[in-house]
Amino acid sequence: MFISPAYAQTTGGGFGGIESFLPIILIFVVFYFLLIRPQQKKQKQHRDMLSAIRRGDRVVTGGGISGSVTKVIDDHEVQVEIAQGVRVKVQRALIASVLAKTQPAGSAPVAANSNQGQSGGIIKSLLGGKK
């Protein structure tokens, strides 16, 4: 006989099939850090923004209507004035963003530029200029 018999090869030593699932696990980890986690952070920020809405805040609804909050009715509803004398009730969850926040009662307004009267500001002080 010139032809030798062919025998089936045995599989090499592996991790019991875990290495075949490694790409799927890696894809899930990438999806978690690139898609799921940032979305959860954004939802948390939006939920915190909605819970901090007060009277006087300027808001934009999901439909694009902007106005100022005149009354917080309850945890689910606010009253928004969209024009002079025109007030509508809006579900709190449908508020897309807060344009301007009002100052809390009893706090002094923060000055826009605390370095008024100084020329150069931070750059000058970093470079050794007199204050």
C-alpha atoms as a PDB file:
ATOM      1  CA  MET A   1       0.000   0.000   0.000  1.00  0.00           C
ATOM      2  CA  PHE A   2       1.237   3.362  -1.026  1.00  0.00           C
ATOM      3  CA  ILE A   3      -1.457   5.426   0.698  1.00  0.00           C
ATOM      4  CA  SER A   4      -1.295   5.803   4.432  1.00  0.00           C
ATOM      5  CA  PRO A   5      -4.526   5.717   6.406  1.00  0.00           C
ATOM      6  CA  ALA A   6      -5.959   9.160   7.359  1.00  0.00           C
ATOM      7  CA  TYR A   7      -6.973   9.658  10.942  1.00  0.00           C
ATOM      8  CA  ALA A   8      -9.224  12.454  12.257  1.00  0.00           C
ATOM      9  CA  GLN A   9      -7.319  15.113  14.103  1.00  0.00           C
ATOM     10  CA  THR A  10      -8.197  15.876  17.680  1.00  0.00           C
ATOM     11  CA  THR A  11      -8.991  19.433  18.674  1.00  0.00           C
ATOM     12  CA  GLY A  12      -6.213  21.366  20.311  1.00  0.00           C
ATOM     13  CA  GLY A  13      -6.306  22.246  23.961  1.00  0.00           C
ATOM     14  CA  GLY A  14      -8.749  25.104  24.352  1.00  0.00           C
ATOM     15  CA  PHE A  15     -10.799  26.788  27.019  1.00  0.00           C
ATOM     16  CA  GLY A  16     -13.831  24.639  26.434  1.00  0.00           C
ATOM     17  CA  GLY A  17     -15.372  26.937  23.816  1.00  0.00           C
ATOM     18  CA  ILE A  18     -14.960  30.215  25.719  1.00  0.00           C
ATOM     19  CA  GLU A  19     -12.661  31.535  23.052  1.00  0.00           C
ATOM     20  CA  SER A  20     -15.507  31.298  20.539  1.00  0.00           C
ATOM     21  CA  PHE A  21     -17.636  33.584  22.759  1.00  0.00           C
ATOM     22  CA  LEU A  22     -14.829  36.077  23.350  1.00  0.00           C
ATOM     23  CA  PRO A  23     -15.712  38.317  20.332  1.00  0.00           C
ATOM     24  CA  ILE A  24     -19.356  38.484  21.431  1.00  0.00           C
ATOM     25  CA  ILE A  25     -18.334  39.411  24.977  1.00  0.00           C
ATOM     26  CA  LEU A  26     -15.938  42.048  23.628  1.00  0.00           C
ATOM     27  CA  ILE A  27     -18.676  43.547  21.420  1.00  0.00           C
ATOM     28  CA  PHE A  28     -21.037  43.746  24.431  1.00  0.00           C
ATOM     29  CA  VAL A  29     -18.387  45.532  26.514  1.00  0.00           C
ATOM     30  CA  VAL A  30     -17.782  48.056  23.716  1.00  0.00           C
ATOM     31  CA  PHE A  31     -21.533  48.648  23.306  1.00  0.00           C
ATOM     32  CA  TYR A  32     -21.894  49.165  27.050  1.00  0.00           C
ATOM     33  CA  PHE A  33     -19.207  51.840  27.267  1.00  0.00           C
ATOM     34  CA  LEU A  34     -20.037  53.601  23.983  1.00  0.00           C
ATOM     35  CA  LEU A  35     -23.841  53.431  23.910  1.00  0.00           C
ATOM     36  CA  ILE A  36     -25.560  52.198  27.059  1.00  0.00           C
ATOM     37  CA  ARG A  37     -23.594  54.026  29.783  1.00  0.00           C
ATOM     38  CA  PRO A  38     -23.670  57.508  28.131  1.00  0.00           C
ATOM     39  CA  GLN A  39     -27.414  57.131  27.508  1.00  0.00           C
ATOM     40  CA  GLN A  40     -28.002  56.283  31.173  1.00  0.00           C
ATOM     41  CA  LYS A  41     -25.990  59.352  32.247  1.00  0.00           C
ATOM     42  CA  LYS A  42     -28.006  61.555  29.893  1.00  0.00           C
ATOM     43  CA  GLN A  43     -31.295  60.182  31.256  1.00  0.00           C
ATOM     44  CA  LYS A  44     -30.145  60.830  34.829  1.00  0.00           C
ATOM     45  CA  GLN A  45     -29.191  64.440  33.986  1.00  0.00           C
ATOM     46  CA  HIS A  46     -32.575  64.995  32.308  1.00  0.00           C
ATOM     47  CA  ARG A  47     -34.416  63.516  35.296  1.00  0.00           C
ATOM     48  CA  ASP A  48     -32.452  65.777  37.670  1.00  0.00           C
ATOM     49  CA  MET A  49     -33.172  68.803  35.455  1.00  0.00           C
ATOM     50  CA  LEU A  50     -36.911  68.045  35.496  1.00  0.00           C
ATOM     51  CA  SER A  51     -37.002  67.656  39.262  1.00  0.00           C
ATOM     52  CA  ALA A  52     -35.276  71.043  39.721  1.00  0.00           C
ATOM     53  CA  ILE A  53     -37.784  73.084  37.673  1.00  0.00           C
ATOM     54  CA  ARG A  54     -39.152  76.075  39.601  1.00  0.00           C
ATOM     55  CA  ARG A  55     -41.419  79.042  38.982  1.00  0.00           C
ATOM     56  CA  GLY A  56     -39.749  81.591  36.706  1.00  0.00           C
ATOM     57  CA  ASP A  57     -37.599  79.132  34.730  1.00  0.00           C
ATOM     58  CA  ARG A  58     -37.641  79.497  30.960  1.00  0.00           C
ATOM     59  CA  VAL A  59     -38.305  76.112  29.357  1.00  0.00           C
ATOM     60  CA  VAL A  60     -38.737  74.520  25.937  1.00  0.00           C
ATOM     61  CA  THR A  61     -41.279  71.728  25.548  1.00  0.00           C
ATOM     62  CA  GLY A  62     -40.847  68.638  23.402  1.00  0.00           C
ATOM     63  CA  GLY A  63     -43.032  70.264  20.741  1.00  0.00           C
ATOM     64  CA  GLY A  64     -40.749  73.295  20.522  1.00  0.00           C
ATOM     65  CA  ILE A  65     -42.928  75.741  22.460  1.00  0.00           C
ATOM     66  CA  SER A  66     -40.934  77.987  24.768  1.00  0.00           C
ATOM     67  CA  GLY A  67     -42.246  79.875  27.747  1.00  0.00           C
ATOM     68  CA  SER A  68     -41.716  80.537  31.420  1.00  0.00           C
ATOM     69  CA  VAL A  69     -42.988  78.394  34.260  1.00  0.00           C
ATOM     70  CA  THR A  70     -45.638  80.293  36.226  1.00  0.00           C
ATOM     71  CA  LYS A  71     -46.721  77.529  38.582  1.00  0.00           C
ATOM     72  CA  VAL A  72     -45.549  74.046  39.552  1.00  0.00           C
ATOM     73  CA  ILE A  73     -48.836  72.178  39.950  1.00  0.00           C
ATOM     74  CA  ASP A  74     -47.487  68.810  41.138  1.00  0.00           C
ATOM     75  CA  ASP A  75     -44.733  66.297  40.433  1.00  0.00           C
ATOM     76  CA  HIS A  76     -46.130  65.608  36.960  1.00  0.00           C
ATOM     77  CA  GLU A  77     -47.505  68.967  35.749  1.00  0.00           C
ATOM     78  CA  VAL A  78     -46.363  72.568  35.431  1.00  0.00           C
ATOM     79  CA  GLN A  79     -48.111  75.655  34.139  1.00  0.00           C
ATOM     80  CA  VAL A  80     -46.182  77.492  31.404  1.00  0.00           C
ATOM     81  CA  GLU A  81     -46.925  80.971  30.098  1.00  0.00           C
ATOM     82  CA  ILE A  82     -46.187  80.923  26.363  1.00  0.00           C
ATOM     83  CA  ALA A  83     -47.479  84.445  25.585  1.00  0.00           C
ATOM     84  CA  GLN A  84     -48.836  87.392  27.544  1.00  0.00           C
ATOM     85  CA  GLY A  85     -51.826  85.956  29.403  1.00  0.00           C
ATOM     86  CA  VAL A  86     -51.709  82.557  27.642  1.00  0.00           C
ATOM     87  CA  ARG A  87     -50.994  79.779  30.112  1.00  0.00           C
ATOM     88  CA  VAL A  88     -50.938  76.066  29.355  1.00  0.00           C
ATOM     89  CA  LYS A  89     -50.481  72.997  31.510  1.00  0.00           C
ATOM     90  CA  VAL A  90     -47.559  70.864  30.406  1.00  0.00           C
ATOM     91  CA  GLN A  91     -46.522  67.419  31.544  1.00  0.00           C
ATOM     92  CA  ARG A  92     -43.165  67.744  33.291  1.00  0.00           C
ATOM     93  CA  ALA A  93     -41.745  64.763  31.363  1.00  0.00           C
ATOM     94  CA  LEU A  94     -42.368  66.585  28.051  1.00  0.00           C
ATOM     95  CA  ILE A  95     -40.075  69.492  28.884  1.00  0.00           C
ATOM     96  CA  ALA A  96     -37.027  69.137  26.655  1.00  0.00           C
ATOM     97  CA  SER A  97     -34.689  71.706  28.198  1.00  0.00           C
ATOM     98  CA  VAL A  98     -34.410  74.595  30.609  1.00  0.00           C
ATOM     99  CA  LEU A  99     -33.130  77.761  28.917  1.00  0.00           C
ATOM    100  CA  ALA A 100     -32.665  79.967  31.968  1.00  0.00           C
ATOM    101  CA  LYS A 101     -32.804  79.187  35.652  1.00  0.00           C
ATOM    102  CA  THR A 102     -34.050  81.659  38.237  1.00  0.00           C
ATOM    103  CA  GLN A 103     -32.006  82.534  41.286  1.00  0.00           C
ATOM    104  CA  PRO A 104     -33.055  80.774  44.490  1.00  0.00           C
ATOM    105  CA  ALA A 105     -34.885  83.006  46.956  1.00  0.00           C
ATOM    106  CA  GLY A 106     -32.521  84.744  49.350  1.00  0.00           C
ATOM    107  CA  SER A 107     -29.335  84.432  47.293  1.00  0.00           C
ATOM    108  CA  ALA A 108     -27.530  87.386  45.809  1.00  0.00           C
ATOM    109  CA  PRO A 109     -27.061  87.403  42.040  1.00  0.00           C
ATOM    110  CA  VAL A 110     -23.578  86.434  40.895  1.00  0.00           C
ATOM    111  CA  ALA A 111     -21.649  89.177  39.121  1.00  0.00           C
ATOM    112  CA  ALA A 112     -20.953  88.397  35.490  1.00  0.00           C
ATOM    113  CA  ASN A 113     -17.405  89.704  35.677  1.00  0.00           C
ATOM    114  CA  SER A 114     -15.808  89.703  39.106  1.00  0.00           C
ATOM    115  CA  ASN A 115     -12.621  91.314  37.742  1.00  0.00           C
ATOM    116  CA  GLN A 116     -14.263  94.615  36.824  1.00  0.00           C
ATOM    117  CA  GLY A 117     -11.863  97.518  36.965  1.00  0.00           C
ATOM    118  CA  GLN A 118      -8.852  95.288  36.347  1.00  0.00           C
ATOM    119  CA  SER A 119      -7.272  95.158  32.954  1.00  0.00           C
ATOM    120  CA  GLY A 120      -5.721  91.878  31.930  1.00  0.00           C
ATOM    121  CA  GLY A 121      -7.546  89.672  34.442  1.00  0.00           C
ATOM    122  CA  ILE A 122      -6.230  86.170  34.977  1.00  0.00           C
ATOM    123  CA  ILE A 123      -3.542  86.326  32.272  1.00  0.00           C
ATOM    124  CA  LYS A 124      -1.971  89.389  33.806  1.00  0.00           C
ATOM    125  CA  SER A 125      -1.968  87.863  37.276  1.00  0.00           C
ATOM    126  CA  LEU A 126      -0.373  84.661  35.943  1.00  0.00           C
ATOM    127  CA  LEU A 127       2.356  86.626  34.192  1.00  0.00           C
ATOM    128  CA  GLY A 128       3.212  88.531  37.341  1.00  0.00           C
ATOM    129  CA  GLY A 129       1.168  91.676  36.897  1.00  0.00           C
ATOM    130  CA  LYS A 130       0.008  93.662  39.896  1.00  0.00           C
ATOM    131  CA  LYS A 131      -3.535  93.162  41.107  1.00  0.00           C
END
